[in-house]
C-alpha atoms as a PDB file:
ATOM      1  CA  MET A   1      -3.401  -0.803   6.661  1.00  0.00           C
ATOM      2  CA  THR A   2      -3.135   0.434  10.035  1.00  0.00           C
ATOM      3  CA  ARG A   3      -5.753   2.834   9.467  1.00  0.00           C
ATOM      4  CA  SER A   4      -7.551   3.471   6.400  1.00  0.00           C
ATOM      5  CA  GLY A   5      -8.966   0.243   5.589  1.00  0.00           C
ATOM      6  CA  SER A   6      -5.732   0.988   6.119  1.00  0.00           C
ATOM      7  CA  THR A   7      -4.647  -1.081   8.668  1.00  0.00           C
ATOM      8  CA  GLY A   8      -4.089  -1.232  12.294  1.00  0.00           C
ATOM      9  CA  SER A   9      -5.874   1.189  14.523  1.00  0.00           C
ATOM     10  CA  ASP A  10      -7.938   2.439  11.662  1.00  0.00           C
ATOM     11  CA  SER A  11      -8.200   6.169  12.224  1.00  0.00           C
ATOM     12  CA  ILE A  12      -8.202   6.653   8.462  1.00  0.00           C
ATOM     13  CA  ARG A  13      -6.413   9.873   8.692  1.00  0.00           C
ATOM     14  CA  LEU A  14      -3.568   7.850   7.310  1.00  0.00           C
ATOM     15  CA  GLY A  15      -0.673   9.684   6.024  1.00  0.00           C
ATOM     16  CA  PHE A  16      -1.590  12.056   3.347  1.00  0.00           C
ATOM     17  CA  THR A  17      -5.265  11.629   3.671  1.00  0.00           C
ATOM     18  CA  ARG A  18      -6.962  14.873   3.512  1.00  0.00           C
ATOM     19  CA  LEU A  19      -9.168  13.893   0.716  1.00  0.00           C
ATOM     20  CA  PHE A  20     -10.026  15.643  -2.540  1.00  0.00           C
ATOM     21  CA  SER A  21     -13.343  17.164  -3.470  1.00  0.00           C
ATOM     22  CA  ILE A  22     -16.008  15.491  -5.571  1.00  0.00           C
ATOM     23  CA  VAL A  23     -15.730  18.298  -8.102  1.00  0.00           C
ATOM     24  CA  VAL A  24     -12.020  17.684  -8.648  1.00  0.00           C
ATOM     25  CA  LEU A  25     -12.609  13.955  -8.858  1.00  0.00           C
ATOM     26  CA  ALA A  26     -15.358  14.381 -11.416  1.00  0.00           C
ATOM     27  CA  ILE A  27     -12.941  16.339 -13.586  1.00  0.00           C
ATOM     28  CA  ILE A  28     -10.342  13.586 -13.221  1.00  0.00           C
ATOM     29  CA  VAL A  29     -12.796  10.832 -14.139  1.00  0.00           C
ATOM     30  CA  LEU A  30     -13.911  12.724 -17.226  1.00  0.00           C
ATOM     31  CA  ALA A  31     -10.314  13.355 -18.258  1.00  0.00           C
ATOM     32  CA  CYS A  32      -9.458   9.664 -17.950  1.00  0.00           C
ATOM     33  CA  GLY A  33     -12.593   8.411 -19.671  1.00  0.00           C
ATOM     34  CA  SER A  34     -12.314  10.277 -22.951  1.00  0.00           C
ATOM     35  CA  GLY A  35     -10.691   7.440 -24.880  1.00  0.00           C
ATOM     36  CA  ASP A  36      -7.260   9.087 -24.821  1.00  0.00           C
ATOM     37  CA  PRO A  37      -4.403   7.439 -22.885  1.00  0.00           C
ATOM     38  CA  PRO A  38      -4.915   8.084 -19.145  1.00  0.00           C
ATOM     39  CA  LYS A  39      -2.865  10.955 -17.780  1.00  0.00           C
ATOM     40  CA  THR A  40      -1.620  11.584 -14.265  1.00  0.00           C
ATOM     41  CA  VAL A  41      -3.644  14.398 -12.720  1.00  0.00           C
ATOM     42  CA  SER A  42      -2.356  16.622  -9.932  1.00  0.00           C
ATOM     43  CA  VAL A  43      -4.665  17.051  -6.939  1.00  0.00           C
ATOM     44  CA  SER A  44      -4.162  18.615  -3.544  1.00  0.00           C
ATOM     45  CA  HIS A  45      -6.296  16.321  -1.413  1.00  0.00           C
ATOM     46  CA  LEU A  46      -7.683  12.802  -1.398  1.00  0.00           C
ATOM     47  CA  GLY A  47     -11.445  13.030  -1.099  1.00  0.00           C
ATOM     48  CA  ASP A  48     -13.889  11.384   1.303  1.00  0.00           C
ATOM     49  CA  SER A  49     -16.390  10.371  -1.325  1.00  0.00           C
ATOM     50  CA  VAL A  50     -15.152   9.153  -4.686  1.00  0.00           C
ATOM     51  CA  GLU A  51     -17.226   7.740  -7.492  1.00  0.00           C
ATOM     52  CA  VAL A  52     -15.410   4.956  -9.336  1.00  0.00           C
ATOM     53  CA  GLY A  53     -16.580   1.825 -11.059  1.00  0.00           C
ATOM     54  CA  PRO A  54     -17.447  -1.269  -9.011  1.00  0.00           C
ATOM     55  CA  PRO A  55     -14.534  -3.499  -8.003  1.00  0.00           C
ATOM     56  CA  PRO A  56     -13.912  -6.355 -10.446  1.00  0.00           C
ATOM     57  CA  LEU A  57     -15.259  -9.735  -9.447  1.00  0.00           C
ATOM     58  CA  GLU A  58     -12.139 -11.595 -10.581  1.00  0.00           C
ATOM     59  CA  HIS A  59      -8.443 -10.754 -10.650  1.00  0.00           C
ATOM     60  CA  ASN A  60      -7.845 -13.026 -13.674  1.00  0.00           C
ATOM     61  CA  LEU A  61      -4.370 -14.074 -12.528  1.00  0.00           C
ATOM     62  CA  THR A  62      -3.284 -17.591 -13.384  1.00  0.00           C
ATOM     63  CA  ASP A  63      -3.050 -20.154 -10.591  1.00  0.00           C
ATOM     64  CA  VAL A  64       0.736 -20.314 -10.964  1.00  0.00           C
ATOM     65  CA  VAL A  65       1.148 -16.544 -10.655  1.00  0.00           C
ATOM     66  CA  ALA A  66      -1.361 -16.358  -7.785  1.00  0.00           C
ATOM     67  CA  ALA A  67       0.496 -19.043  -5.810  1.00  0.00           C
ATOM     68  CA  ARG A  68       3.817 -17.206  -6.248  1.00  0.00           C
ATOM     69  CA  LEU A  69       2.285 -13.916  -5.112  1.00  0.00           C
ATOM     70  CA  LEU A  70       0.625 -15.421  -2.044  1.00  0.00           C
ATOM     71  CA  ALA A  71       3.902 -17.054  -0.995  1.00  0.00           C
ATOM     72  CA  ALA A  72       5.580 -13.611  -0.947  1.00  0.00           C
ATOM     73  CA  THR A  73       2.798 -11.945   1.087  1.00  0.00           C
ATOM     74  CA  VAL A  74       3.396 -11.393   4.808  1.00  0.00           C
ATOM     75  CA  GLY A  75       1.606  -9.991   7.820  1.00  0.00           C
ATOM     76  CA  VAL A  76       3.122  -7.121   9.839  1.00  0.00           C
ATOM     77  CA  ARG A  77       2.315  -6.184  13.436  1.00  0.00           C
ATOM     78  CA  GLY A  78       3.631  -4.472  16.547  1.00  0.00           C
ATOM     79  CA  LEU A  79       2.452  -3.260  19.970  1.00  0.00           C
ATOM     80  CA  ASP A  80       5.079  -0.654  20.882  1.00  0.00           C
ATOM     81  CA  CYS A  81       2.742   2.341  20.673  1.00  0.00           C
ATOM     82  CA  GLY A  82       0.152   1.137  23.191  1.00  0.00           C
ATOM     83  CA  ARG A  83      -2.166  -0.283  20.558  1.00  0.00           C
ATOM     84  CA  ALA A  84      -1.991  -3.043  17.993  1.00  0.00           C
ATOM     85  CA  GLN A  85      -0.665  -1.868  14.633  1.00  0.00           C
ATOM     86  CA  VAL A  86      -1.477  -4.433  11.975  1.00  0.00           C
ATOM     87  CA  GLY A  87      -0.805  -4.413   8.254  1.00  0.00           C
ATOM     88  CA  SER A  88       0.255  -6.382   5.220  1.00  0.00           C
ATOM     89  CA  GLY A  89       3.554  -6.482   3.363  1.00  0.00           C
ATOM     90  CA  PHE A  90       5.436  -8.277   0.626  1.00  0.00           C
ATOM     91  CA  VAL A  91       8.913  -9.634  -0.058  1.00  0.00           C
ATOM     92  CA  VAL A  92      11.015  -7.669  -2.543  1.00  0.00           C
ATOM     93  CA  SER A  93      14.708  -7.254  -3.390  1.00  0.00           C
ATOM     94  CA  GLY A  94      16.136 -10.370  -1.785  1.00  0.00           C
ATOM     95  CA  THR A  95      14.659 -10.830   1.679  1.00  0.00           C
ATOM     96  CA  LEU A  96      13.501  -7.263   2.316  1.00  0.00           C
ATOM     97  CA  VAL A  97       9.840  -6.601   3.081  1.00  0.00           C
ATOM     98  CA  VAL A  98       7.889  -3.481   2.096  1.00  0.00           C
ATOM     99  CA  THR A  99       4.854  -2.213   4.022  1.00  0.00           C
ATOM    100  CA  ALA A 100       3.208   1.123   4.879  1.00  0.00           C
ATOM    101  CA  ALA A 101       5.110   3.528   7.138  1.00  0.00           C
ATOM    102  CA  HIS A 102       2.108   4.111   9.416  1.00  0.00           C
ATOM    103  CA  VAL A 103       1.948   0.367  10.126  1.00  0.00           C
ATOM    104  CA  VAL A 104       5.426   0.331  11.713  1.00  0.00           C
ATOM    105  CA  ALA A 105       5.771   3.926  12.984  1.00  0.00           C
ATOM    106  CA  GLY A 106       7.219   3.795  16.504  1.00  0.00           C
ATOM    107  CA  ILE A 107       7.839   0.036  16.393  1.00  0.00           C
ATOM    108  CA  ASP A 108      11.372  -1.126  17.229  1.00  0.00           C
ATOM    109  CA  ALA A 109      11.018  -4.707  16.007  1.00  0.00           C
ATOM    110  CA  PRO A 110       8.010  -5.379  13.744  1.00  0.00           C
ATOM    111  CA  VAL A 111       6.883  -9.000  13.768  1.00  0.00           C
ATOM    112  CA  LEU A 112       6.311 -10.615  10.374  1.00  0.00           C
ATOM    113  CA  THR A 113       3.971 -13.545   9.811  1.00  0.00           C
ATOM    114  CA  VAL A 114       5.342 -15.683   6.995  1.00  0.00           C
ATOM    115  CA  ALA A 115       3.718 -18.975   6.001  1.00  0.00           C
ATOM    116  CA  GLY A 116       2.224 -19.293   9.483  1.00  0.00           C
ATOM    117  CA  GLU A 117       5.506 -18.583  11.276  1.00  0.00           C
ATOM    118  CA  GLU A 118       6.576 -15.399  13.074  1.00  0.00           C
ATOM    119  CA  VAL A 119       9.859 -13.685  12.195  1.00  0.00           C
ATOM    120  CA  ALA A 120      11.347 -10.618  13.881  1.00  0.00           C
ATOM    121  CA  SER A 121      12.540  -7.714  11.739  1.00  0.00           C
ATOM    122  CA  ARG A 122      13.980  -4.215  11.959  1.00  0.00           C
ATOM    123  CA  VAL A 123      13.080  -1.084  10.031  1.00  0.00           C
ATOM    124  CA  VAL A 124      15.831  -0.029   7.589  1.00  0.00           C
ATOM    125  CA  GLY A 125      13.854   2.384   5.409  1.00  0.00           C
ATOM    126  CA  PHE A 126      11.133   4.827   6.479  1.00  0.00           C
ATOM    127  CA  ASP A 127       9.392   7.456   4.331  1.00  0.00           C
ATOM    128  CA  PRO A 128       6.525   9.243   6.148  1.00  0.00           C
ATOM    129  CA  VAL A 129       5.664  11.255   3.027  1.00  0.00           C
ATOM    130  CA  ALA A 130       5.208   8.324   0.651  1.00  0.00           C
ATOM    131  CA  ASP A 131       3.912   6.254   3.608  1.00  0.00           C
ATOM    132  CA  LEU A 132       6.325   3.418   2.909  1.00  0.00           C
ATOM    133  CA  ALA A 133       8.721   1.383   5.044  1.00  0.00           C
ATOM    134  CA  VAL A 134      11.348  -1.272   4.332  1.00  0.00           C
ATOM    135  CA  LEU A 135      11.924  -4.067   6.844  1.00  0.00           C
ATOM    136  CA  GLN A 136      14.910  -6.395   7.188  1.00  0.00           C
ATOM    137  CA  PRO A 137      13.887  -9.798   8.626  1.00  0.00           C
ATOM    138  CA  VAL A 138      16.429 -11.338  10.958  1.00  0.00           C
ATOM    139  CA  SER A 139      15.916 -14.765   9.339  1.00  0.00           C
ATOM    140  CA  GLY A 140      13.502 -17.087   7.634  1.00  0.00           C
ATOM    141  CA  LEU A 141      12.716 -15.534   4.219  1.00  0.00           C
ATOM    142  CA  HIS A 142      15.471 -16.977   2.057  1.00  0.00           C
ATOM    143  CA  ARG A 143      13.125 -19.561   0.566  1.00  0.00           C
ATOM    144  CA  LEU A 144      10.719 -16.918  -0.751  1.00  0.00           C
ATOM    145  CA  THR A 145      10.870 -15.463  -4.250  1.00  0.00           C
ATOM    146  CA  PRO A 146      10.860 -11.647  -4.133  1.00  0.00           C
ATOM    147  CA  LEU A 147       8.296  -9.787  -6.227  1.00  0.00           C
ATOM    148  CA  GLN A 148       9.280  -7.504  -9.085  1.00  0.00           C
ATOM    149  CA  LEU A 149       8.196  -3.878  -9.492  1.00  0.00           C
ATOM    150  CA  GLY A 150       6.278  -2.484 -12.464  1.00  0.00           C
ATOM    151  CA  GLN A 151       4.366   0.588 -13.640  1.00  0.00           C
ATOM    152  CA  PRO A 152       0.601   1.032 -13.068  1.00  0.00           C
ATOM    153  CA  VAL A 153      -1.752   1.457 -16.020  1.00  0.00           C
ATOM    154  CA  ALA A 154      -5.090   3.169 -15.418  1.00  0.00           C
ATOM    155  CA  GLY A 155      -8.155   1.221 -16.496  1.00  0.00           C
ATOM    156  CA  THR A 156      -6.655  -2.222 -15.857  1.00  0.00           C
ATOM    157  CA  VAL A 157      -7.472  -5.024 -13.407  1.00  0.00           C
ATOM    158  CA  GLY A 158      -5.151  -6.665 -10.914  1.00  0.00           C
ATOM    159  CA  ALA A 159      -5.076  -7.834  -7.299  1.00  0.00           C
ATOM    160  CA  ILE A 160      -4.186  -6.621  -3.814  1.00  0.00           C
ATOM    161  CA  LEU A 161      -2.056  -9.059  -1.782  1.00  0.00           C
ATOM    162  CA  VAL A 162      -3.504  -8.835   1.703  1.00  0.00           C
ATOM    163  CA  HIS A 163      -2.574 -10.806   4.821  1.00  0.00           C
ATOM    164  CA  GLU A 164      -5.361 -11.575   7.284  1.00  0.00           C
ATOM    165  CA  ALA A 165      -5.807 -13.699  10.412  1.00  0.00           C
ATOM    166  CA  ASP A 166      -6.172 -16.874   8.361  1.00  0.00           C
ATOM    167  CA  GLY A 167      -3.330 -16.054   5.994  1.00  0.00           C
ATOM    168  CA  PRO A 168      -2.775 -14.290   2.658  1.00  0.00           C
ATOM    169  CA  ARG A 169      -5.391 -13.841  -0.055  1.00  0.00           C
ATOM    170  CA  LEU A 170      -5.872 -11.971  -3.328  1.00  0.00           C
ATOM    171  CA  VAL A 171      -8.449  -9.165  -3.534  1.00  0.00           C
ATOM    172  CA  PRO A 172      -9.514  -8.200  -7.090  1.00  0.00           C
ATOM    173  CA  VAL A 173      -8.852  -4.531  -7.803  1.00  0.00           C
ATOM    174  CA  GLY A 174      -9.486  -2.017 -10.547  1.00  0.00           C
ATOM    175  CA  LEU A 175      -6.729   0.542 -11.133  1.00  0.00           C
ATOM    176  CA  GLU A 176      -8.976   3.497 -11.841  1.00  0.00           C
ATOM    177  CA  ILE A 177      -7.002   6.741 -11.929  1.00  0.00           C
ATOM    178  CA  LEU A 178      -3.355   7.795 -11.673  1.00  0.00           C
ATOM    179  CA  ILE A 179      -2.929  10.965  -9.601  1.00  0.00           C
ATOM    180  CA  ARG A 180      -0.277  13.218  -8.134  1.00  0.00           C
ATOM    181  CA  ALA A 181      -1.355  13.682  -4.508  1.00  0.00           C
ATOM    182  CA  THR A 182      -0.051  16.398  -2.216  1.00  0.00           C
ATOM    183  CA  GLY A 183      -0.879  17.160   1.394  1.00  0.00           C
ATOM    184  CA  THR A 184       0.527  15.953   4.709  1.00  0.00           C
ATOM    185  CA  ASP A 185       2.784  13.119   5.805  1.00  0.00           C
ATOM    186  CA  VAL A 186       1.715  10.333   8.183  1.00  0.00           C
ATOM    187  CA  TYR A 187       2.292  12.645  11.160  1.00  0.00           C
ATOM    188  CA  GLY A 188       0.083  15.404   9.770  1.00  0.00           C
ATOM    189  CA  GLY A 189       2.966  17.688   8.836  1.00  0.00           C
ATOM    190  CA  PRO A 190       3.288  19.487   5.483  1.00  0.00           C
ATOM    191  CA  ALA A 191       4.833  17.394   2.728  1.00  0.00           C
ATOM    192  CA  GLY A 192       5.537  17.341  -0.977  1.00  0.00           C
ATOM    193  CA  GLY A 193       3.663  15.205  -3.460  1.00  0.00           C
ATOM    194  CA  ARG A 194       3.648  11.541  -4.298  1.00  0.00           C
ATOM    195  CA  ASP A 195       2.376   9.590  -7.268  1.00  0.00           C
ATOM    196  CA  ALA A 196      -0.671   7.548  -6.269  1.00  0.00           C
ATOM    197  CA  ILE A 197      -3.429   5.344  -7.681  1.00  0.00           C
ATOM    198  CA  VAL A 198      -7.171   5.505  -7.022  1.00  0.00           C
ATOM    199  CA  LEU A 199      -8.379   1.904  -6.643  1.00  0.00           C
ATOM    200  CA  ALA A 200     -11.764   0.237  -6.934  1.00  0.00           C
ATOM    201  CA  ALA A 201     -11.541  -2.408  -4.200  1.00  0.00           C
ATOM    202  CA  GLY A 202     -12.840  -3.286  -0.783  1.00  0.00           C
ATOM    203  CA  VAL A 203      -9.968  -2.891   1.698  1.00  0.00           C
ATOM    204  CA  LEU A 204     -10.176  -3.505   5.434  1.00  0.00           C
ATOM    205  CA  THR A 205      -8.224  -2.955   8.617  1.00  0.00           C
ATOM    206  CA  GLY A 206      -4.964  -4.858   8.199  1.00  0.00           C
ATOM    207  CA  HIS A 207      -4.653  -4.197   4.475  1.00  0.00           C
ATOM    208  CA  SER A 208      -2.351  -1.149   4.627  1.00  0.00           C
ATOM    209  CA  GLY A 209       1.034  -1.892   3.106  1.00  0.00           C
ATOM    210  CA  ALA A 210      -0.366  -4.563   0.775  1.00  0.00           C
ATOM    211  CA  ALA A 211       1.073  -4.896  -2.719  1.00  0.00           C
ATOM    212  CA  VAL A 212      -1.098  -3.951  -5.684  1.00  0.00           C
ATOM    213  CA  VAL A 213      -0.117  -6.163  -8.626  1.00  0.00           C
ATOM    214  CA  ASP A 214      -0.955  -6.153 -12.321  1.00  0.00           C
ATOM    215  CA  GLN A 215      -1.859  -9.102 -14.539  1.00  0.00           C
ATOM    216  CA  THR A 216       1.799 -10.151 -14.845  1.00  0.00           C
ATOM    217  CA  GLY A 217       2.247 -10.254 -11.066  1.00  0.00           C
ATOM    218  CA  ARG A 218       4.428  -7.148 -10.885  1.00  0.00           C
ATOM    219  CA  VAL A 219       3.941  -4.775  -7.959  1.00  0.00           C
ATOM    220  CA  VAL A 220       2.620  -1.447  -9.263  1.00  0.00           C
ATOM    221  CA  GLY A 221       1.554   0.118  -5.953  1.00  0.00           C
ATOM    222  CA  VAL A 222       1.283  -0.202  -2.156  1.00  0.00           C
ATOM    223  CA  THR A 223      -2.012   0.482  -0.369  1.00  0.00           C
ATOM    224  CA  PHE A 224      -2.098   3.226   2.252  1.00  0.00           C
ATOM    225  CA  SER A 225      -5.695   4.398   2.720  1.00  0.00           C
ATOM    226  CA  ARG A 226      -9.361   3.985   1.907  1.00  0.00           C
ATOM    227  CA  ALA A 227     -12.174   6.470   1.456  1.00  0.00           C
ATOM    228  CA  ARG A 228     -14.484   7.016   4.404  1.00  0.00           C
ATOM    229  CA  GLY A 229     -18.067   5.837   4.407  1.00  0.00           C
ATOM    230  CA  GLY A 230     -17.476   2.184   3.550  1.00  0.00           C
ATOM    231  CA  GLY A 231     -17.370   2.626  -0.231  1.00  0.00           C
ATOM    232  CA  PRO A 232     -15.115   0.355  -2.307  1.00  0.00           C
ATOM    233  CA  VAL A 233     -12.482   3.046  -2.930  1.00  0.00           C
ATOM    234  CA  ALA A 234      -8.862   2.835  -1.802  1.00  0.00           C
ATOM    235  CA  TYR A 235      -5.527   4.487  -2.519  1.00  0.00           C
ATOM    236  CA  ALA A 236      -2.023   3.209  -3.237  1.00  0.00           C
ATOM    237  CA  VAL A 237       1.322   4.913  -3.678  1.00  0.00           C
ATOM    238  CA  GLN A 238       2.910   4.009  -7.001  1.00  0.00           C
ATOM    239  CA  ALA A 239       5.793   1.522  -7.126  1.00  0.00           C
ATOM    240  CA  SER A 240       8.326   4.133  -8.271  1.00  0.00           C
ATOM    241  CA  ALA A 241       8.420   5.384  -4.662  1.00  0.00           C
ATOM    242  CA  VAL A 242       9.179   1.845  -3.478  1.00  0.00           C
ATOM    243  CA  GLN A 243      12.283   1.654  -5.650  1.00  0.00           C
ATOM    244  CA  SER A 244      13.490   5.025  -4.386  1.00  0.00           C
ATOM    245  CA  LEU A 245      13.152   3.901  -0.770  1.00  0.00           C
ATOM    246  CA  LEU A 246      14.865   0.567  -1.460  1.00  0.00           C
ATOM    247  CA  ASP A 247      17.840   2.416  -2.942  1.00  0.00           C
ATOM    248  CA  SER A 248      17.968   4.726   0.074  1.00  0.00           C
ATOM    249  CA  ALA A 249      17.679   1.871   2.592  1.00  0.00           C
ATOM    250  CA  GLU A 250      20.604   0.083   0.959  1.00  0.00           C
ATOM    251  CA  ASN A 251      22.890   3.116   1.133  1.00  0.00           C
ATOM    252  CA  LEU A 252      21.613   4.913   4.229  1.00  0.00           C
ATOM    253  CA  PRO A 253      19.461   2.706   6.524  1.00  0.00           C
ATOM    254  CA  GLU A 254      16.856   4.658   8.471  1.00  0.00           C
ATOM    255  CA  PRO A 255      14.802   3.399  11.459  1.00  0.00           C
ATOM    256  CA  ALA A 256      11.104   4.007  11.924  1.00  0.00           C
ATOM    257  CA  GLY A 257       9.958   7.380  13.177  1.00  0.00           C
ATOM    258  CA  PRO A 258       7.998   7.922  16.420  1.00  0.00           C
ATOM    259  CA  CYS A 259       4.518   6.640  17.182  1.00  0.00           C
ATOM    260  CA  ILE A 260       1.596   8.388  15.507  1.00  0.00           C
ATOM    261  CA  ASP A 261      -0.795  10.165  17.855  1.00  0.00           C
END
């Protein structure tokens, strides 16, 4: 993420990250741990210190599914804003790539790393509230199988598809809590809410924009931030926002916004 463990220049104030209080989080955890089906809880901020279970040791995906997911995972970077902005992304809907908006904000031509090769792209969808962006590669992704979208289920285990200096890898993740987060957009301005997921996982710089997948390999979220203090807590916007942006990008392409201060 270009911030958060987010990715890039890691200022962790990543879009929408004024974090919620421990008291609110405690209420959420209790509500989701009662044995009833998990419910989406509305919160106004994402908190600095969140108590969730430890990240799972294994993602439990089959080798066949894991290989397909890794093949569709790409790196994203750009230097237009005077600093390196680095993140992860994934192929979806043909040859389009989804990543976090703060990873490509202010970048005219994000560079994608795909199977060790670099491919230029342009931004065709940009949502600073959901912190999502859609990129159109100029060439080179036709051989990749796009990933399918799904719905997150709290209390399940999956994987985060991150792209690092030595290539893509799977990070085991626990999908802890489904929330409705409200606050600011990636530029710090007031914004409406978005459906998000609280994750139990260790995310690092360069992991923003990574796909969160379930046991079937469907994308259920996209990472955008991590909690401060080094704890294994991260956040992802739910995949429903991805589909909305894909539909918008197809009908009304929109370039990336300005650089983030």
